[in-house]
Amino acid sequence: MKKILIISILIISFASKAYSYPESQMEDCVSSALSNPATKSISKDSITNYCDCALRAIIDEKNDIRESGYACAQKHFN
């Protein structure tokens, strides 16, 4: 019984981060933002964080696209 508990704890602690949106959507979001002239001065890390925030809000939390984009932009671009 102890072995099962230890194995379960190890599996849970080494589990990787899971996203509900496809990686292709993240790549599309980042490449679209990087090609936009208005975002030339924003770092790729900030854009990646913005896209992650927006995609999670839209897909995971089923929030409105426009409101999610605005809220994530406020959080990551200011």
Protein backbone atom coordinates (compact mmCIF):
# COMPACT_ATOMS: atom_id res chain seq x y z
CA MET A 1 0.00 0.00 0.00
CA LYS A 2 2.86 2.38 0.79
CA LYS A 3 4.38 1.70 -2.61
CA ILE A 4 1.16 2.67 -4.37
CA LEU A 5 0.95 5.88 -2.36
CA ILE A 6 4.57 6.79 -3.11
CA ILE A 7 4.16 6.03 -6.82
CA SER A 8 0.97 8.11 -6.95
CA ILE A 9 2.67 11.07 -5.30
CA LEU A 10 5.61 10.82 -7.71
CA ILE A 11 3.34 10.69 -10.74
CA ILE A 12 1.35 13.72 -9.58
CA SER A 13 4.44 15.73 -8.71
CA PHE A 14 6.11 15.12 -12.09
CA ALA A 15 3.03 15.71 -14.22
CA SER A 16 3.60 18.39 -16.85
CA LYS A 17 1.48 21.43 -17.47
CA ALA A 18 -1.51 20.68 -19.71
CA TYR A 19 -3.22 23.14 -22.01
CA SER A 20 -6.72 22.75 -23.36
CA TYR A 21 -5.96 24.69 -26.51
CA PRO A 22 -3.87 23.22 -29.34
CA GLU A 23 -0.27 24.34 -29.68
CA SER A 24 -1.09 25.53 -33.20
CA GLN A 25 -3.45 28.16 -31.77
CA MET A 26 -0.67 29.47 -29.54
CA GLU A 27 1.72 29.61 -32.49
CA ASP A 28 -0.90 31.40 -34.62
CA CYS A 29 -1.57 33.94 -31.88
CA VAL A 30 2.13 34.68 -31.30
CA SER A 31 2.99 34.93 -35.00
CA SER A 32 -0.01 37.17 -35.64
CA ALA A 33 0.97 39.47 -32.78
CA LEU A 34 4.60 39.59 -33.86
CA SER A 35 3.63 40.55 -37.41
CA ASN A 36 1.38 43.38 -36.19
CA PRO A 37 3.18 46.76 -36.48
CA ALA A 38 1.50 47.98 -33.28
CA THR A 39 3.27 45.30 -31.21
CA LYS A 40 6.81 45.70 -32.57
CA SER A 41 8.06 47.18 -29.28
CA ILE A 42 6.58 44.39 -27.13
CA SER A 43 8.80 41.46 -26.18
CA LYS A 44 8.06 37.95 -27.40
CA ASP A 45 7.72 36.77 -23.78
CA SER A 46 4.99 39.34 -23.11
CA ILE A 47 3.18 38.34 -26.29
CA THR A 48 3.43 34.65 -25.38
CA ASN A 49 2.06 35.35 -21.89
CA TYR A 50 -0.75 37.42 -23.41
CA CYS A 51 -1.68 34.67 -25.86
CA ASP A 52 -1.64 32.04 -23.11
CA CYS A 53 -3.86 34.23 -20.92
CA ALA A 54 -6.31 34.98 -23.73
CA LEU A 55 -6.54 31.39 -24.98
CA ARG A 56 -7.11 30.04 -21.47
CA ALA A 57 -9.80 32.64 -20.82
CA ILE A 58 -11.54 32.00 -24.13
CA ILE A 59 -11.28 28.21 -24.27
CA ASP A 60 -11.03 27.06 -20.63
CA GLU A 61 -13.25 29.64 -18.99
CA LYS A 62 -15.51 30.19 -22.03
CA ASN A 63 -15.28 33.98 -21.71
CA ASP A 64 -16.03 36.48 -24.46
CA ILE A 65 -13.21 36.84 -26.99
CA ARG A 66 -13.09 40.63 -26.97
CA GLU A 67 -13.30 40.98 -23.18
CA SER A 68 -10.69 38.26 -22.65
CA GLY A 69 -8.29 39.87 -25.12
CA TYR A 70 -8.71 43.27 -23.52
CA ALA A 71 -8.26 41.97 -19.95
CA CYS A 72 -5.14 40.00 -20.89
CA ALA A 73 -3.70 42.95 -22.83
CA GLN A 74 -4.18 45.15 -19.76
CA LYS A 75 -2.43 42.56 -17.62
CA HIS A 76 0.54 41.77 -19.90
CA PHE A 77 1.19 44.90 -21.97
CA ASN A 78 1.14 47.59 -19.28
